[in-house]
Amino acid sequence: MGERRPLLADGSIVGDYEPLFKYWEKARKRGRGEEGRVVLRNEDFQHLEKLLRSREGRLSVAEALEELTLYFLDRVDPELAREAVEEAYGVSGYDAESARRVVARILAGWLIEAAKTWGSLKVRG
């Protein structure tokens, strides 16, 4: 668990990307292009930059994760997320909205890691 990482991810924020990979697999099988909604886009990096500017560049990782999780929530299908999280964690009966939040939080962490890797964000501490 936690070995695979998407492009530009370094694992410093997200410890386990497996639910995201499972989400993509399930979305591809569904065949409606939903996996494309749950990837990083240029506008996501722009949103992060705007968020940082609005806070004068001072934002804790926890605050950024929460803000970005809310930002990504609408792009995550709750039922796909539930299936993906249950499979990734080997559990059943997971709440769909909680699973949706898990996937959105992984996206938020991935965005922070990618911005850091790209050099557009510095994280201290």
C-alpha atoms as a PDB file:
ATOM      1  CA  MET A   1       0.000   0.000   0.000  1.00  0.00           C
ATOM      2  CA  GLY A   2       1.221   3.504  -0.782  1.00  0.00           C
ATOM      3  CA  GLU A   3       3.921   2.641  -3.331  1.00  0.00           C
ATOM      4  CA  ARG A   4       2.515   4.060  -6.586  1.00  0.00           C
ATOM      5  CA  ARG A   5       2.531   7.801  -7.139  1.00  0.00           C
ATOM      6  CA  PRO A   6       1.177   9.961  -9.947  1.00  0.00           C
ATOM      7  CA  LEU A   7       3.295  12.396 -11.948  1.00  0.00           C
ATOM      8  CA  LEU A   8       5.085  15.066  -9.852  1.00  0.00           C
ATOM      9  CA  ALA A   9       3.996  13.475  -6.561  1.00  0.00           C
ATOM     10  CA  ASP A  10       6.709  12.984  -3.958  1.00  0.00           C
ATOM     11  CA  GLY A  11       4.755  11.420  -1.079  1.00  0.00           C
ATOM     12  CA  SER A  12       5.507  14.262   1.335  1.00  0.00           C
ATOM     13  CA  ILE A  13       1.819  15.147   1.827  1.00  0.00           C
ATOM     14  CA  VAL A  14      -0.076  12.088   0.603  1.00  0.00           C
ATOM     15  CA  GLY A  15       1.051   8.847   2.156  1.00  0.00           C
ATOM     16  CA  ASP A  16      -1.147   6.555   0.065  1.00  0.00           C
ATOM     17  CA  TYR A  17      -2.299   7.261  -3.486  1.00  0.00           C
ATOM     18  CA  GLU A  18      -3.920   3.850  -3.900  1.00  0.00           C
ATOM     19  CA  PRO A  19      -7.525   5.135  -3.555  1.00  0.00           C
ATOM     20  CA  LEU A  20      -6.861   7.568  -6.405  1.00  0.00           C
ATOM     21  CA  PHE A  21      -5.422   4.841  -8.632  1.00  0.00           C
ATOM     22  CA  LYS A  22      -8.427   2.612  -7.834  1.00  0.00           C
ATOM     23  CA  TYR A  23     -10.741   5.531  -8.628  1.00  0.00           C
ATOM     24  CA  TRP A  24      -9.096   5.969 -12.050  1.00  0.00           C
ATOM     25  CA  GLU A  25      -9.341   2.226 -12.759  1.00  0.00           C
ATOM     26  CA  LYS A  26     -13.030   2.149 -11.878  1.00  0.00           C
ATOM     27  CA  ALA A  27     -13.750   5.337 -13.815  1.00  0.00           C
ATOM     28  CA  ARG A  28     -12.021   3.942 -16.922  1.00  0.00           C
ATOM     29  CA  LYS A  29     -14.096   0.756 -16.686  1.00  0.00           C
ATOM     30  CA  ARG A  30     -17.237   2.855 -16.430  1.00  0.00           C
ATOM     31  CA  GLY A  31     -16.186   4.444 -19.707  1.00  0.00           C
ATOM     32  CA  ARG A  32     -17.699   7.913 -19.396  1.00  0.00           C
ATOM     33  CA  GLY A  33     -14.421   9.822 -19.199  1.00  0.00           C
ATOM     34  CA  GLU A  34     -14.791  10.458 -15.463  1.00  0.00           C
ATOM     35  CA  GLU A  35     -11.132   9.688 -14.738  1.00  0.00           C
ATOM     36  CA  GLY A  36     -10.307  12.879 -16.635  1.00  0.00           C
ATOM     37  CA  ARG A  37     -12.217  14.924 -14.071  1.00  0.00           C
ATOM     38  CA  VAL A  38      -9.989  13.661 -11.268  1.00  0.00           C
ATOM     39  CA  VAL A  39      -6.557  14.727 -12.475  1.00  0.00           C
ATOM     40  CA  LEU A  40      -4.562  17.901 -12.002  1.00  0.00           C
ATOM     41  CA  ARG A  41      -5.208  20.629 -14.529  1.00  0.00           C
ATOM     42  CA  ASN A  42      -3.537  23.931 -15.236  1.00  0.00           C
ATOM     43  CA  GLU A  43      -6.449  25.777 -13.621  1.00  0.00           C
ATOM     44  CA  ASP A  44      -5.830  23.841 -10.383  1.00  0.00           C
ATOM     45  CA  PHE A  45      -2.310  25.277 -10.163  1.00  0.00           C
ATOM     46  CA  GLN A  46      -3.767  28.705 -10.917  1.00  0.00           C
ATOM     47  CA  HIS A  47      -6.315  28.218  -8.132  1.00  0.00           C
ATOM     48  CA  LEU A  48      -3.524  27.350  -5.695  1.00  0.00           C
ATOM     49  CA  GLU A  49      -1.558  30.444  -6.730  1.00  0.00           C
ATOM     50  CA  LYS A  50      -4.677  32.596  -6.283  1.00  0.00           C
ATOM     51  CA  LEU A  51      -5.276  31.049  -2.856  1.00  0.00           C
ATOM     52  CA  LEU A  52      -1.694  31.812  -1.831  1.00  0.00           C
ATOM     53  CA  ARG A  53      -1.934  35.398  -3.097  1.00  0.00           C
ATOM     54  CA  SER A  54      -5.149  35.917  -1.147  1.00  0.00           C
ATOM     55  CA  ARG A  55      -3.291  34.862   2.012  1.00  0.00           C
ATOM     56  CA  GLU A  56      -0.170  36.869   1.117  1.00  0.00           C
ATOM     57  CA  GLY A  57       1.774  33.651   0.599  1.00  0.00           C
ATOM     58  CA  ARG A  58       1.230  32.449   4.146  1.00  0.00           C
ATOM     59  CA  LEU A  59      -0.879  29.366   4.403  1.00  0.00           C
ATOM     60  CA  SER A  60      -0.358  26.293   6.531  1.00  0.00           C
ATOM     61  CA  VAL A  61      -0.349  22.921   4.821  1.00  0.00           C
ATOM     62  CA  ALA A  62      -3.417  21.948   6.870  1.00  0.00           C
ATOM     63  CA  GLU A  63      -5.301  25.070   5.727  1.00  0.00           C
ATOM     64  CA  ALA A  64      -4.268  24.510   2.121  1.00  0.00           C
ATOM     65  CA  LEU A  65      -5.359  20.868   2.270  1.00  0.00           C
ATOM     66  CA  GLU A  66      -8.773  21.823   3.635  1.00  0.00           C
ATOM     67  CA  GLU A  67      -9.335  24.639   1.112  1.00  0.00           C
ATOM     68  CA  LEU A  68      -8.213  22.485  -1.807  1.00  0.00           C
ATOM     69  CA  THR A  69     -10.238  19.470  -0.653  1.00  0.00           C
ATOM     70  CA  LEU A  70     -13.364  21.622  -0.834  1.00  0.00           C
ATOM     71  CA  TYR A  71     -12.254  22.880  -4.241  1.00  0.00           C
ATOM     72  CA  PHE A  72     -11.921  19.321  -5.621  1.00  0.00           C
ATOM     73  CA  LEU A  73     -15.055  17.784  -4.053  1.00  0.00           C
ATOM     74  CA  ASP A  74     -17.390  18.563  -6.956  1.00  0.00           C
ATOM     75  CA  ARG A  75     -15.157  16.688  -9.399  1.00  0.00           C
ATOM     76  CA  VAL A  76     -15.281  13.416  -7.440  1.00  0.00           C
ATOM     77  CA  ASP A  77     -18.121  10.962  -8.012  1.00  0.00           C
ATOM     78  CA  PRO A  78     -19.252   9.701  -4.562  1.00  0.00           C
ATOM     79  CA  GLU A  79     -20.126   6.169  -5.680  1.00  0.00           C
ATOM     80  CA  LEU A  80     -16.886   5.670  -7.612  1.00  0.00           C
ATOM     81  CA  ALA A  81     -14.996   7.055  -4.614  1.00  0.00           C
ATOM     82  CA  ARG A  82     -16.763   4.650  -2.246  1.00  0.00           C
ATOM     83  CA  GLU A  83     -15.893   1.660  -4.428  1.00  0.00           C
ATOM     84  CA  ALA A  84     -12.289   2.820  -4.834  1.00  0.00           C
ATOM     85  CA  VAL A  85     -11.706   3.521  -1.141  1.00  0.00           C
ATOM     86  CA  GLU A  86     -13.301   0.240  -0.086  1.00  0.00           C
ATOM     87  CA  GLU A  87     -11.092  -1.689  -2.495  1.00  0.00           C
ATOM     88  CA  ALA A  88      -7.923   0.252  -1.652  1.00  0.00           C
ATOM     89  CA  TYR A  89      -8.395  -0.133   2.108  1.00  0.00           C
ATOM     90  CA  GLY A  90     -10.013  -3.598   2.074  1.00  0.00           C
ATOM     91  CA  VAL A  91     -13.159  -2.482   3.904  1.00  0.00           C
ATOM     92  CA  SER A  92     -16.846  -2.533   3.117  1.00  0.00           C
ATOM     93  CA  GLY A  93     -19.722  -0.242   4.012  1.00  0.00           C
ATOM     94  CA  TYR A  94     -17.688   2.947   3.592  1.00  0.00           C
ATOM     95  CA  ASP A  95     -19.829   6.090   3.462  1.00  0.00           C
ATOM     96  CA  ALA A  96     -19.874   7.529  -0.094  1.00  0.00           C
ATOM     97  CA  GLU A  97     -19.505  11.164   1.007  1.00  0.00           C
ATOM     98  CA  SER A  98     -16.594  10.321   3.295  1.00  0.00           C
ATOM     99  CA  ALA A  99     -14.937   8.396   0.469  1.00  0.00           C
ATOM    100  CA  ARG A 100     -15.496  11.349  -1.854  1.00  0.00           C
ATOM    101  CA  ARG A 101     -13.687  13.520   0.670  1.00  0.00           C
ATOM    102  CA  VAL A 102     -10.799  11.009   0.880  1.00  0.00           C
ATOM    103  CA  VAL A 103     -10.269  11.182  -2.889  1.00  0.00           C
ATOM    104  CA  ALA A 104     -10.627  14.986  -2.951  1.00  0.00           C
ATOM    105  CA  ARG A 105      -8.068  15.273  -0.143  1.00  0.00           C
ATOM    106  CA  ILE A 106      -5.642  13.072  -2.063  1.00  0.00           C
ATOM    107  CA  LEU A 107      -6.058  15.393  -5.054  1.00  0.00           C
ATOM    108  CA  ALA A 108      -5.438  18.389  -2.785  1.00  0.00           C
ATOM    109  CA  GLY A 109      -2.250  16.832  -1.419  1.00  0.00           C
ATOM    110  CA  TRP A 110      -1.121  15.845  -4.883  1.00  0.00           C
ATOM    111  CA  LEU A 111      -1.580  19.433  -6.079  1.00  0.00           C
ATOM    112  CA  ILE A 112       0.582  20.714  -3.227  1.00  0.00           C
ATOM    113  CA  GLU A 113       3.259  18.072  -3.887  1.00  0.00           C
ATOM    114  CA  ALA A 114       3.214  18.763  -7.622  1.00  0.00           C
ATOM    115  CA  ALA A 115       3.513  22.530  -7.114  1.00  0.00           C
ATOM    116  CA  LYS A 116       6.416  21.886  -4.745  1.00  0.00           C
ATOM    117  CA  THR A 117       8.112  19.497  -7.179  1.00  0.00           C
ATOM    118  CA  TRP A 118       7.571  21.935 -10.040  1.00  0.00           C
ATOM    119  CA  GLY A 119       9.161  24.685  -7.941  1.00  0.00           C
ATOM    120  CA  SER A 120       6.150  26.996  -7.858  1.00  0.00           C
ATOM    121  CA  LEU A 121       5.553  26.418  -4.135  1.00  0.00           C
ATOM    122  CA  LYS A 122       7.834  26.330  -1.124  1.00  0.00           C
ATOM    123  CA  VAL A 123       6.759  24.401   1.927  1.00  0.00           C
ATOM    124  CA  ARG A 124       8.560  25.084   5.183  1.00  0.00           C
ATOM    125  CA  GLY A 125       8.789  22.910   8.229  1.00  0.00           C
END
